[in-house]
Amino acid sequence: QVQLVESGGGLVQAGESLRLSCAASGISFALYTMAWYRQAPGKQREMAATITRGGSTDYADSVKGRFTISRDNTKNMAYLLMNSLEPEDTAVYYCYAKNSMINRDFWGQGTQVTVSS
């Protein structure tokens, strides 16, 4: 059974930081590209950050320079460090795992991040 379990969300003030964690089980974690998506109220889900099997990263323009995605293949964990948070970062953040070679992908249930001004 595949599980992606997010943690670390919460309520913070603008300018503060949060670190999200994603614990993966039931997959060969090292073979998956990992990503964090987010969905704000009334908006479509959007990619915030991705990290490939090889460690290459990509970020949405809106979070570049503020967010850092990382992974620990020894622990089957992915992380999203979010600095200088803004009210516009308020959203549910989802962990996503994708293996294009076998056409499999999985979503976590999400964790709420709320940034007050």
PDB file of N, CA and C in Angstrom:
ATOM      1  N   GLN A   1       0.844  -1.191   0.000  1.00  0.00           N
ATOM      2  CA  GLN A   1       0.000   0.000   0.000  1.00  0.00           C
ATOM      3  C   GLN A   1       0.886   1.250   0.000  1.00  0.00           C
ATOM      4  N   VAL A   2       0.641   2.103  -0.965  1.00  0.00           N
ATOM      5  CA  VAL A   2       1.440   3.312  -1.094  1.00  0.00           C
ATOM      6  C   VAL A   2       0.863   4.410  -0.212  1.00  0.00           C
ATOM      7  N   GLN A   3       1.733   5.071   0.519  1.00  0.00           N
ATOM      8  CA  GLN A   3       1.310   6.204   1.332  1.00  0.00           C
ATOM      9  C   GLN A   3       2.314   7.339   1.206  1.00  0.00           C
ATOM     10  N   LEU A   4       1.790   8.541   1.041  1.00  0.00           N
ATOM     11  CA  LEU A   4       2.562   9.765   1.139  1.00  0.00           C
ATOM     12  C   LEU A   4       1.897  10.587   2.232  1.00  0.00           C
ATOM     13  N   VAL A   5       2.618  10.836   3.314  1.00  0.00           N
ATOM     14  CA  VAL A   5       2.038  11.511   4.471  1.00  0.00           C
ATOM     15  C   VAL A   5       2.792  12.814   4.713  1.00  0.00           C
ATOM     16  N   GLU A   6       2.057  13.915   4.545  1.00  0.00           N
ATOM     17  CA  GLU A   6       2.653  15.231   4.755  1.00  0.00           C
ATOM     18  C   GLU A   6       2.519  15.660   6.214  1.00  0.00           C
ATOM     19  N   SER A   7       3.455  16.469   6.649  1.00  0.00           N
ATOM     20  CA  SER A   7       3.381  17.062   7.981  1.00  0.00           C
ATOM     21  C   SER A   7       4.148  18.379   7.962  1.00  0.00           C
ATOM     22  N   GLY A   8       3.923  19.177   8.996  1.00  0.00           N
ATOM     23  CA  GLY A   8       4.678  20.414   9.139  1.00  0.00           C
ATOM     24  C   GLY A   8       3.928  21.684   8.795  1.00  0.00           C
ATOM     25  N   GLY A   9       2.697  21.543   8.324  1.00  0.00           N
ATOM     26  CA  GLY A   9       1.915  22.727   8.017  1.00  0.00           C
ATOM     27  C   GLY A   9       1.470  23.442   9.285  1.00  0.00           C
ATOM     28  N   GLY A  10       0.899  24.623   9.098  1.00  0.00           N
ATOM     29  CA  GLY A  10       0.424  25.370  10.247  1.00  0.00           C
ATOM     30  C   GLY A  10       0.132  26.811   9.915  1.00  0.00           C
ATOM     31  N   LEU A  11      -0.058  27.594  10.960  1.00  0.00           N
ATOM     32  CA  LEU A  11      -0.347  29.024  10.838  1.00  0.00           C
ATOM     33  C   LEU A  11       0.883  29.816  11.254  1.00  0.00           C
ATOM     34  N   VAL A  12       1.370  30.662  10.350  1.00  0.00           N
ATOM     35  CA  VAL A  12       2.526  31.499  10.648  1.00  0.00           C
ATOM     36  C   VAL A  12       2.248  32.923  10.187  1.00  0.00           C
ATOM     37  N   GLN A  13       3.092  33.830  10.620  1.00  0.00           N
ATOM     38  CA  GLN A  13       2.986  35.217  10.177  1.00  0.00           C
ATOM     39  C   GLN A  13       3.880  35.435   8.957  1.00  0.00           C
ATOM     40  N   ALA A  14       3.539  36.435   8.202  1.00  0.00           N
ATOM     41  CA  ALA A  14       4.346  36.775   7.034  1.00  0.00           C
ATOM     42  C   ALA A  14       5.799  37.006   7.438  1.00  0.00           C
ATOM     43  N   GLY A  15       6.702  36.464   6.618  1.00  0.00           N
ATOM     44  CA  GLY A  15       8.123  36.585   6.895  1.00  0.00           C
ATOM     45  C   GLY A  15       8.720  35.407   7.629  1.00  0.00           C
ATOM     46  N   GLU A  16       7.874  34.582   8.208  1.00  0.00           N
ATOM     47  CA  GLU A  16       8.357  33.420   8.954  1.00  0.00           C
ATOM     48  C   GLU A  16       8.614  32.236   8.024  1.00  0.00           C
ATOM     49  N   SER A  17       9.066  31.142   8.613  1.00  0.00           N
ATOM     50  CA  SER A  17       9.441  29.958   7.854  1.00  0.00           C
ATOM     51  C   SER A  17       8.685  28.721   8.347  1.00  0.00           C
ATOM     52  N   LEU A  18       8.557  27.765   7.457  1.00  0.00           N
ATOM     53  CA  LEU A  18       8.019  26.450   7.782  1.00  0.00           C
ATOM     54  C   LEU A  18       8.789  25.410   6.988  1.00  0.00           C
ATOM     55  N   ARG A  19       8.881  24.200   7.534  1.00  0.00           N
ATOM     56  CA  ARG A  19       9.430  23.095   6.777  1.00  0.00           C
ATOM     57  C   ARG A  19       8.384  21.994   6.715  1.00  0.00           C
ATOM     58  N   LEU A  20       8.000  21.653   5.495  1.00  0.00           N
ATOM     59  CA  LEU A  20       7.078  20.550   5.280  1.00  0.00           C
ATOM     60  C   LEU A  20       7.867  19.266   5.075  1.00  0.00           C
ATOM     61  N   SER A  21       7.295  18.167   5.535  1.00  0.00           N
ATOM     62  CA  SER A  21       7.903  16.851   5.342  1.00  0.00           C
ATOM     63  C   SER A  21       6.903  15.925   4.675  1.00  0.00           C
ATOM     64  N   CYS A  22       7.429  15.020   3.872  1.00  0.00           N
ATOM     65  CA  CYS A  22       6.609  14.011   3.215  1.00  0.00           C
ATOM     66  C   CYS A  22       7.261  12.654   3.449  1.00  0.00           C
ATOM     67  N   ALA A  23       6.559  11.793   4.159  1.00  0.00           N
ATOM     68  CA  ALA A  23       7.051  10.444   4.425  1.00  0.00           C
ATOM     69  C   ALA A  23       6.412   9.484   3.436  1.00  0.00           C
ATOM     70  N   ALA A  24       7.241   8.802   2.662  1.00  0.00           N
ATOM     71  CA  ALA A  24       6.750   7.886   1.633  1.00  0.00           C
ATOM     72  C   ALA A  24       6.942   6.446   2.063  1.00  0.00           C
ATOM     73  N   SER A  25       5.981   5.618   1.733  1.00  0.00           N
ATOM     74  CA  SER A  25       6.093   4.191   1.987  1.00  0.00           C
ATOM     75  C   SER A  25       5.384   3.443   0.866  1.00  0.00           C
ATOM     76  N   GLY A  26       5.834   2.213   0.632  1.00  0.00           N
ATOM     77  CA  GLY A  26       5.200   1.385  -0.391  1.00  0.00           C
ATOM     78  C   GLY A  26       5.699   1.619  -1.797  1.00  0.00           C
ATOM     79  N   ILE A  27       6.708   2.459  -1.958  1.00  0.00           N
ATOM     80  CA  ILE A  27       7.300   2.709  -3.276  1.00  0.00           C
ATOM     81  C   ILE A  27       8.814   2.624  -3.181  1.00  0.00           C
ATOM     82  N   SER A  28       9.448   2.411  -4.324  1.00  0.00           N
ATOM     83  CA  SER A  28      10.909   2.475  -4.382  1.00  0.00           C
ATOM     84  C   SER A  28      11.271   3.954  -4.489  1.00  0.00           C
ATOM     85  N   PHE A  29      11.352   4.584  -3.370  1.00  0.00           N
ATOM     86  CA  PHE A  29      11.416   6.042  -3.278  1.00  0.00           C
ATOM     87  C   PHE A  29      12.493   6.646  -4.168  1.00  0.00           C
ATOM     88  N   ALA A  30      13.663   6.051  -4.184  1.00  0.00           N
ATOM     89  CA  ALA A  30      14.792   6.627  -4.923  1.00  0.00           C
ATOM     90  C   ALA A  30      14.527   6.697  -6.425  1.00  0.00           C
ATOM     91  N   LEU A  31      13.550   5.944  -6.917  1.00  0.00           N
ATOM     92  CA  LEU A  31      13.261   5.916  -8.349  1.00  0.00           C
ATOM     93  C   LEU A  31      12.208   6.934  -8.767  1.00  0.00           C
ATOM     94  N   TYR A  32      11.687   7.672  -7.802  1.00  0.00           N
ATOM     95  CA  TYR A  32      10.602   8.603  -8.063  1.00  0.00           C
ATOM     96  C   TYR A  32      11.063  10.049  -8.052  1.00  0.00           C
ATOM     97  N   THR A  33      10.540  10.812  -8.992  1.00  0.00           N
ATOM     98  CA  THR A  33      10.606  12.258  -8.881  1.00  0.00           C
ATOM     99  C   THR A  33       9.598  12.674  -7.819  1.00  0.00           C
ATOM    100  N   MET A  34      10.017  13.565  -6.935  1.00  0.00           N
ATOM    101  CA  MET A  34       9.143  14.050  -5.878  1.00  0.00           C
ATOM    102  C   MET A  34       8.829  15.513  -6.129  1.00  0.00           C
ATOM    103  N   ALA A  35       7.643  15.910  -5.726  1.00  0.00           N
ATOM    104  CA  ALA A  35       7.243  17.293  -5.939  1.00  0.00           C
ATOM    105  C   ALA A  35       6.310  17.751  -4.834  1.00  0.00           C
ATOM    106  N   TRP A  36       6.245  19.048  -4.683  1.00  0.00           N
ATOM    107  CA  TRP A  36       5.247  19.679  -3.830  1.00  0.00           C
ATOM    108  C   TRP A  36       4.362  20.538  -4.718  1.00  0.00           C
ATOM    109  N   TYR A  37       3.071  20.294  -4.615  1.00  0.00           N
ATOM    110  CA  TYR A  37       2.081  21.115  -5.275  1.00  0.00           C
ATOM    111  C   TYR A  37       1.303  21.864  -4.195  1.00  0.00           C
ATOM    112  N   ARG A  38       0.619  22.917  -4.632  1.00  0.00           N
ATOM    113  CA  ARG A  38      -0.218  23.642  -3.683  1.00  0.00           C
ATOM    114  C   ARG A  38      -1.497  24.099  -4.356  1.00  0.00           C
ATOM    115  N   GLN A  39      -2.531  24.215  -3.545  1.00  0.00           N
ATOM    116  CA  GLN A  39      -3.823  24.676  -4.055  1.00  0.00           C
ATOM    117  C   GLN A  39      -4.418  25.677  -3.085  1.00  0.00           C
ATOM    118  N   ALA A  40      -4.529  26.906  -3.560  1.00  0.00           N
ATOM    119  CA  ALA A  40      -5.126  27.970  -2.759  1.00  0.00           C
ATOM    120  C   ALA A  40      -6.642  27.949  -2.966  1.00  0.00           C
ATOM    121  N   PRO A  41      -7.379  28.510  -2.036  1.00  0.00           N
ATOM    122  CA  PRO A  41      -8.858  28.523  -2.171  1.00  0.00           C
ATOM    123  C   PRO A  41      -9.291  29.176  -3.477  1.00  0.00           C
ATOM    124  N   GLY A  42     -10.135  28.471  -4.218  1.00  0.00           N
ATOM    125  CA  GLY A  42     -10.661  29.003  -5.459  1.00  0.00           C
ATOM    126  C   GLY A  42      -9.703  28.973  -6.626  1.00  0.00           C
ATOM    127  N   LYS A  43      -8.548  28.349  -6.448  1.00  0.00           N
ATOM    128  CA  LYS A  43      -7.554  28.309  -7.524  1.00  0.00           C
ATOM    129  C   LYS A  43      -7.206  26.872  -7.886  1.00  0.00           C
ATOM    130  N   GLN A  44      -6.582  26.698  -9.044  1.00  0.00           N
ATOM    131  CA  GLN A  44      -6.154  25.379  -9.473  1.00  0.00           C
ATOM    132  C   GLN A  44      -4.897  24.959  -8.724  1.00  0.00           C
ATOM    133  N   ARG A  45      -4.714  23.659  -8.627  1.00  0.00           N
ATOM    134  CA  ARG A  45      -3.498  23.135  -8.024  1.00  0.00           C
ATOM    135  C   ARG A  45      -2.324  23.473  -8.929  1.00  0.00           C
ATOM    136  N   GLU A  46      -1.216  23.906  -8.328  1.00  0.00           N
ATOM    137  CA  GLU A  46      -0.042  24.288  -9.103  1.00  0.00           C
ATOM    138  C   GLU A  46       1.209  23.694  -8.486  1.00  0.00           C
ATOM    139  N   MET A  47       2.196  23.466  -9.360  1.00  0.00           N
ATOM    140  CA  MET A  47       3.473  22.941  -8.901  1.00  0.00           C
ATOM    141  C   MET A  47       4.227  24.043  -8.182  1.00  0.00           C
ATOM    142  N   ALA A  48       4.766  23.728  -7.026  1.00  0.00           N
ATOM    143  CA  ALA A  48       5.612  24.679  -6.303  1.00  0.00           C
ATOM    144  C   ALA A  48       7.089  24.335  -6.488  1.00  0.00           C
ATOM    145  N   ALA A  49       7.414  23.024  -6.379  1.00  0.00           N
ATOM    146  CA  ALA A  49       8.814  22.616  -6.482  1.00  0.00           C
ATOM    147  C   ALA A  49       8.887  21.138  -6.821  1.00  0.00           C
ATOM    148  N   THR A  50       9.931  20.760  -7.578  1.00  0.00           N
ATOM    149  CA  THR A  50      10.161  19.363  -7.889  1.00  0.00           C
ATOM    150  C   THR A  50      11.633  19.025  -7.684  1.00  0.00           C
ATOM    151  N   ILE A  51      11.876  17.739  -7.429  1.00  0.00           N
ATOM    152  CA  ILE A  51      13.245  17.243  -7.342  1.00  0.00           C
ATOM    153  C   ILE A  51      13.288  15.872  -7.990  1.00  0.00           C
ATOM    154  N   THR A  52      14.194  15.704  -8.930  1.00  0.00           N
ATOM    155  CA  THR A  52      14.262  14.452  -9.671  1.00  0.00           C
ATOM    156  C   THR A  52      15.029  13.385  -8.894  1.00  0.00           C
ATOM    157  N   ARG A  53      15.074  12.200  -9.477  1.00  0.00           N
ATOM    158  CA  ARG A  53      15.844  11.109  -8.887  1.00  0.00           C
ATOM    159  C   ARG A  53      17.287  11.523  -8.688  1.00  0.00           C
ATOM    160  N   GLY A  54      17.799  12.275  -9.634  1.00  0.00           N
ATOM    161  CA  GLY A  54      19.196  12.691  -9.579  1.00  0.00           C
ATOM    162  C   GLY A  54      19.460  13.920  -8.734  1.00  0.00           C
ATOM    163  N   GLY A  55      18.389  14.521  -8.217  1.00  0.00           N
ATOM    164  CA  GLY A  55      18.562  15.687  -7.354  1.00  0.00           C
ATOM    165  C   GLY A  55      18.406  17.022  -8.044  1.00  0.00           C
ATOM    166  N   SER A  56      18.060  17.030  -9.327  1.00  0.00           N
ATOM    167  CA  SER A  56      17.812  18.297 -10.006  1.00  0.00           C
ATOM    168  C   SER A  56      16.500  18.892  -9.517  1.00  0.00           C
ATOM    169  N   THR A  57      16.492  20.199  -9.351  1.00  0.00           N
ATOM    170  CA  THR A  57      15.318  20.862  -8.793  1.00  0.00           C
ATOM    171  C   THR A  57      14.740  21.884  -9.763  1.00  0.00           C
ATOM    172  N   ASP A  58      13.474  22.158  -9.569  1.00  0.00           N
ATOM    173  CA  ASP A  58      12.778  23.174 -10.352  1.00  0.00           C
ATOM    174  C   ASP A  58      11.749  23.821  -9.444  1.00  0.00           C
ATOM    175  N   TYR A  59      11.526  25.117  -9.676  1.00  0.00           N
ATOM    176  CA  TYR A  59      10.614  25.862  -8.815  1.00  0.00           C
ATOM    177  C   TYR A  59       9.684  26.734  -9.632  1.00  0.00           C
ATOM    178  N   ALA A  60       8.491  26.957  -9.095  1.00  0.00           N
ATOM    179  CA  ALA A  60       7.614  27.965  -9.665  1.00  0.00           C
ATOM    180  C   ALA A  60       8.266  29.327  -9.469  1.00  0.00           C
ATOM    181  N   ASP A  61       8.039  30.218 -10.419  1.00  0.00           N
ATOM    182  CA  ASP A  61       8.643  31.543 -10.328  1.00  0.00           C
ATOM    183  C   ASP A  61       8.271  32.245  -9.023  1.00  0.00           C
ATOM    184  N   SER A  62       7.063  31.993  -8.545  1.00  0.00           N
ATOM    185  CA  SER A  62       6.565  32.689  -7.355  1.00  0.00           C
ATOM    186  C   SER A  62       7.281  32.277  -6.072  1.00  0.00           C
ATOM    187  N   VAL A  63       7.997  31.158  -6.096  1.00  0.00           N
ATOM    188  CA  VAL A  63       8.669  30.689  -4.871  1.00  0.00           C
ATOM    189  C   VAL A  63      10.183  30.632  -5.004  1.00  0.00           C
ATOM    190  N   LYS A  64      10.704  30.900  -6.199  1.00  0.00           N
ATOM    191  CA  LYS A  64      12.153  30.850  -6.399  1.00  0.00           C
ATOM    192  C   LYS A  64      12.856  31.791  -5.447  1.00  0.00           C
ATOM    193  N   GLY A  65      13.925  31.284  -4.847  1.00  0.00           N
ATOM    194  CA  GLY A  65      14.692  32.087  -3.909  1.00  0.00           C
ATOM    195  C   GLY A  65      14.168  32.045  -2.495  1.00  0.00           C
ATOM    196  N   ARG A  66      12.965  31.519  -2.304  1.00  0.00           N
ATOM    197  CA  ARG A  66      12.376  31.437  -0.968  1.00  0.00           C
ATOM    198  C   ARG A  66      12.168  30.004  -0.498  1.00  0.00           C
ATOM    199  N   PHE A  67      11.842  29.120  -1.436  1.00  0.00           N
ATOM    200  CA  PHE A  67      11.567  27.722  -1.095  1.00  0.00           C
ATOM    201  C   PHE A  67      12.730  26.834  -1.546  1.00  0.00           C
ATOM    202  N   THR A  68      12.979  25.780  -0.792  1.00  0.00           N
ATOM    203  CA  THR A  68      14.001  24.802  -1.153  1.00  0.00           C
ATOM    204  C   THR A  68      13.440  23.400  -0.969  1.00  0.00           C
ATOM    205  N   ILE A  69      13.464  22.623  -2.039  1.00  0.00           N
ATOM    206  CA  ILE A  69      13.024  21.233  -1.963  1.00  0.00           C
ATOM    207  C   ILE A  69      14.252  20.343  -1.808  1.00  0.00           C
ATOM    208  N   SER A  70      14.098  19.279  -1.023  1.00  0.00           N
ATOM    209  CA  SER A  70      15.190  18.333  -0.834  1.00  0.00           C
ATOM    210  C   SER A  70      14.608  16.946  -0.591  1.00  0.00           C
ATOM    211  N   ARG A  71      15.484  15.955  -0.618  1.00  0.00           N
ATOM    212  CA  ARG A  71      15.056  14.584  -0.377  1.00  0.00           C
ATOM    213  C   ARG A  71      16.141  13.822   0.348  1.00  0.00           C
ATOM    214  N   ASP A  72      15.718  12.815   1.096  1.00  0.00           N
ATOM    215  CA  ASP A  72      16.644  11.912   1.777  1.00  0.00           C
ATOM    216  C   ASP A  72      16.226  10.507   1.401  1.00  0.00           C
ATOM    217  N   ASN A  73      16.932   9.923   0.450  1.00  0.00           N
ATOM    218  CA  ASN A  73      16.557   8.591  -0.030  1.00  0.00           C
ATOM    219  C   ASN A  73      16.777   7.513   1.016  1.00  0.00           C
ATOM    220  N   THR A  74      17.606   7.774   2.001  1.00  0.00           N
ATOM    221  CA  THR A  74      17.842   6.771   3.047  1.00  0.00           C
ATOM    222  C   THR A  74      16.663   6.692   4.014  1.00  0.00           C
ATOM    223  N   LYS A  75      15.879   7.771   4.051  1.00  0.00           N
ATOM    224  CA  LYS A  75      14.730   7.817   4.960  1.00  0.00           C
ATOM    225  C   LYS A  75      13.397   7.823   4.235  1.00  0.00           C
ATOM    226  N   ASN A  76      13.442   7.798   2.905  1.00  0.00           N
ATOM    227  CA  ASN A  76      12.210   7.891   2.102  1.00  0.00           C
ATOM    228  C   ASN A  76      11.420   9.145   2.448  1.00  0.00           C
ATOM    229  N   MET A  77      12.150  10.269   2.511  1.00  0.00           N
ATOM    230  CA  MET A  77      11.536  11.532   2.902  1.00  0.00           C
ATOM    231  C   MET A  77      11.810  12.610   1.860  1.00  0.00           C
ATOM    232  N   ALA A  78      10.825  13.468   1.675  1.00  0.00           N
ATOM    233  CA  ALA A  78      10.994  14.683   0.888  1.00  0.00           C
ATOM    234  C   ALA A  78      10.615  15.869   1.777  1.00  0.00           C
ATOM    235  N   TYR A  79      11.257  17.005   1.502  1.00  0.00           N
ATOM    236  CA  TYR A  79      11.057  18.172   2.348  1.00  0.00           C
ATOM    237  C   TYR A  79      10.849  19.417   1.490  1.00  0.00           C
ATOM    238  N   LEU A  80      10.167  20.385   2.080  1.00  0.00           N
ATOM    239  CA  LEU A  80      10.049  21.687   1.451  1.00  0.00           C
ATOM    240  C   LEU A  80      10.282  22.736   2.537  1.00  0.00           C
ATOM    241  N   LEU A  81      11.404  23.409   2.449  1.00  0.00           N
ATOM    242  CA  LEU A  81      11.716  24.500   3.362  1.00  0.00           C
ATOM    243  C   LEU A  81      11.192  25.785   2.743  1.00  0.00           C
ATOM    244  N   MET A  82      10.332  26.453   3.471  1.00  0.00           N
ATOM    245  CA  MET A  82       9.694  27.663   2.967  1.00  0.00           C
ATOM    246  C   MET A  82      10.099  28.840   3.842  1.00  0.00           C
ATOM    247  N   ASN A  83      10.853  29.754   3.262  1.00  0.00           N
ATOM    248  CA  ASN A  83      11.286  30.952   3.968  1.00  0.00           C
ATOM    249  C   ASN A  83      10.537  32.178   3.457  1.00  0.00           C
ATOM    250  N   SER A  84      10.593  33.223   4.228  1.00  0.00           N
ATOM    251  CA  SER A  84       9.980  34.508   3.840  1.00  0.00           C
ATOM    252  C   SER A  84       8.553  34.303   3.335  1.00  0.00           C
ATOM    253  N   LEU A  85       7.788  33.584   4.103  1.00  0.00           N
ATOM    254  CA  LEU A  85       6.425  33.259   3.671  1.00  0.00           C
ATOM    255  C   LEU A  85       5.575  34.510   3.527  1.00  0.00           C
ATOM    256  N   GLU A  86       4.704  34.455   2.544  1.00  0.00           N
ATOM    257  CA  GLU A  86       3.804  35.561   2.225  1.00  0.00           C
ATOM    258  C   GLU A  86       2.368  35.082   2.324  1.00  0.00           C
ATOM    259  N   PRO A  87       1.429  35.997   2.561  1.00  0.00           N
ATOM    260  CA  PRO A  87       0.016  35.577   2.602  1.00  0.00           C
ATOM    261  C   PRO A  87      -0.410  34.828   1.336  1.00  0.00           C
ATOM    262  N   GLU A  88       0.209  35.168   0.212  1.00  0.00           N
ATOM    263  CA  GLU A  88      -0.134  34.501  -1.055  1.00  0.00           C
ATOM    264  C   GLU A  88       0.309  33.043  -1.083  1.00  0.00           C
ATOM    265  N   ASP A  89       1.130  32.635  -0.131  1.00  0.00           N
ATOM    266  CA  ASP A  89       1.549  31.232  -0.043  1.00  0.00           C
ATOM    267  C   ASP A  89       0.525  30.370   0.684  1.00  0.00           C
ATOM    268  N   THR A  90      -0.510  30.985   1.220  1.00  0.00           N
ATOM    269  CA  THR A  90      -1.554  30.234   1.899  1.00  0.00           C
ATOM    270  C   THR A  90      -2.212  29.252   0.939  1.00  0.00           C
ATOM    271  N   ALA A  91      -2.202  27.978   1.312  1.00  0.00           N
ATOM    272  CA  ALA A  91      -2.727  26.923   0.438  1.00  0.00           C
ATOM    273  C   ALA A  91      -2.645  25.588   1.172  1.00  0.00           C
ATOM    274  N   VAL A  92      -3.277  24.599   0.579  1.00  0.00           N
ATOM    275  CA  VAL A  92      -3.029  23.220   0.986  1.00  0.00           C
ATOM    276  C   VAL A  92      -1.858  22.727   0.146  1.00  0.00           C
ATOM    277  N   TYR A  93      -0.866  22.173   0.792  1.00  0.00           N
ATOM    278  CA  TYR A  93       0.342  21.698   0.122  1.00  0.00           C
ATOM    279  C   TYR A  93       0.296  20.168   0.051  1.00  0.00           C
ATOM    280  N   TYR A  94       0.521  19.662  -1.168  1.00  0.00           N
ATOM    281  CA  TYR A  94       0.432  18.231  -1.432  1.00  0.00           C
ATOM    282  C   TYR A  94       1.781  17.675  -1.853  1.00  0.00           C
ATOM    283  N   CYS A  95       2.111  16.537  -1.326  1.00  0.00           N
ATOM    284  CA  CYS A  95       3.284  15.788  -1.756  1.00  0.00           C
ATOM    285  C   CYS A  95       2.882  14.906  -2.942  1.00  0.00           C
ATOM    286  N   TYR A  96       3.757  14.818  -3.941  1.00  0.00           N
ATOM    287  CA  TYR A  96       3.470  14.084  -5.169  1.00  0.00           C
ATOM    288  C   TYR A  96       4.699  13.277  -5.556  1.00  0.00           C
ATOM    289  N   ALA A  97       4.467  12.023  -5.934  1.00  0.00           N
ATOM    290  CA  ALA A  97       5.550  11.144  -6.369  1.00  0.00           C
ATOM    291  C   ALA A  97       5.225  10.603  -7.757  1.00  0.00           C
ATOM    292  N   LYS A  98       6.210  10.630  -8.645  1.00  0.00           N
ATOM    293  CA  LYS A  98       5.981  10.173 -10.015  1.00  0.00           C
ATOM    294  C   LYS A  98       7.155   9.358 -10.523  1.00  0.00           C
ATOM    295  N   ASN A  99       6.817   8.212 -11.134  1.00  0.00           N
ATOM    296  CA  ASN A  99       7.811   7.394 -11.806  1.00  0.00           C
ATOM    297  C   ASN A  99       7.365   7.263 -13.257  1.00  0.00           C
ATOM    298  N   SER A 100       7.966   8.039 -14.132  1.00  0.00           N
ATOM    299  CA  SER A 100       7.543   8.064 -15.533  1.00  0.00           C
ATOM    300  C   SER A 100       7.858   6.761 -16.255  1.00  0.00           C
ATOM    301  N   MET A 101       8.865   6.041 -15.769  1.00  0.00           N
ATOM    302  CA  MET A 101       9.264   4.819 -16.464  1.00  0.00           C
ATOM    303  C   MET A 101       8.191   3.745 -16.384  1.00  0.00           C
ATOM    304  N   ILE A 102       7.441   3.740 -15.285  1.00  0.00           N
ATOM    305  CA  ILE A 102       6.371   2.751 -15.132  1.00  0.00           C
ATOM    306  C   ILE A 102       4.997   3.418 -15.112  1.00  0.00           C
ATOM    307  N   ASN A 103       4.973   4.709 -15.399  1.00  0.00           N
ATOM    308  CA  ASN A 103       3.714   5.457 -15.489  1.00  0.00           C
ATOM    309  C   ASN A 103       2.877   5.329 -14.218  1.00  0.00           C
ATOM    310  N   ARG A 104       3.490   5.553 -13.081  1.00  0.00           N
ATOM    311  CA  ARG A 104       2.793   5.524 -11.817  1.00  0.00           C
ATOM    312  C   ARG A 104       3.006   6.852 -11.101  1.00  0.00           C
ATOM    313  N   ASP A 105       1.942   7.343 -10.471  1.00  0.00           N
ATOM    314  CA  ASP A 105       2.098   8.529  -9.650  1.00  0.00           C
ATOM    315  C   ASP A 105       1.126   8.453  -8.473  1.00  0.00           C
ATOM    316  N   PHE A 106       1.463   9.194  -7.424  1.00  0.00           N
ATOM    317  CA  PHE A 106       0.705   9.147  -6.183  1.00  0.00           C
ATOM    318  C   PHE A 106       0.668  10.527  -5.529  1.00  0.00           C
ATOM    319  N   TRP A 107      -0.423  10.767  -4.814  1.00  0.00           N
ATOM    320  CA  TRP A 107      -0.610  12.029  -4.089  1.00  0.00           C
ATOM    321  C   TRP A 107      -0.774  11.761  -2.599  1.00  0.00           C
ATOM    322  N   GLY A 108      -0.279  12.698  -1.816  1.00  0.00           N
ATOM    323  CA  GLY A 108      -0.595  12.708  -0.406  1.00  0.00           C
ATOM    324  C   GLY A 108      -1.923  13.406  -0.175  1.00  0.00           C
ATOM    325  N   GLN A 109      -2.350  13.459   1.074  1.00  0.00           N
ATOM    326  CA  GLN A 109      -3.656  14.047   1.406  1.00  0.00           C
ATOM    327  C   GLN A 109      -3.581  15.548   1.641  1.00  0.00           C
ATOM    328  N   GLY A 110      -2.385  16.073   1.790  1.00  0.00           N
ATOM    329  CA  GLY A 110      -2.223  17.516   1.905  1.00  0.00           C
ATOM    330  C   GLY A 110      -2.080  17.997   3.335  1.00  0.00           C
ATOM    331  N   THR A 111      -1.415  19.138   3.464  1.00  0.00           N
ATOM    332  CA  THR A 111      -1.269  19.802   4.754  1.00  0.00           C
ATOM    333  C   THR A 111      -1.505  21.303   4.551  1.00  0.00           C
ATOM    334  N   GLN A 112      -2.240  21.888   5.464  1.00  0.00           N
ATOM    335  CA  GLN A 112      -2.631  23.290   5.320  1.00  0.00           C
ATOM    336  C   GLN A 112      -1.518  24.218   5.799  1.00  0.00           C
ATOM    337  N   VAL A 113      -1.223  25.195   4.985  1.00  0.00           N
ATOM    338  CA  VAL A 113      -0.303  26.272   5.357  1.00  0.00           C
ATOM    339  C   VAL A 113      -1.066  27.579   5.265  1.00  0.00           C
ATOM    340  N   THR A 114      -1.097  28.314   6.356  1.00  0.00           N
ATOM    341  CA  THR A 114      -1.784  29.604   6.394  1.00  0.00           C
ATOM    342  C   THR A 114      -0.805  30.673   6.846  1.00  0.00           C
ATOM    343  N   VAL A 115      -0.686  31.719   6.042  1.00  0.00           N
ATOM    344  CA  VAL A 115       0.238  32.808   6.342  1.00  0.00           C
ATOM    345  C   VAL A 115      -0.581  34.070   6.572  1.00  0.00           C
ATOM    346  N   SER A 116      -0.489  34.606   7.759  1.00  0.00           N
ATOM    347  CA  SER A 116      -1.237  35.818   8.081  1.00  0.00           C
ATOM    348  C   SER A 116      -0.362  37.046   7.842  1.00  0.00           C
ATOM    349  N   SER A 117      -1.030  38.141   7.503  1.00  0.00           N
ATOM    350  CA  SER A 117      -0.291  39.384   7.209  1.00  0.00           C
ATOM    351  C   SER A 117      -0.098  40.224   8.455  1.00  0.00           C
TER     352      SER A 117
END
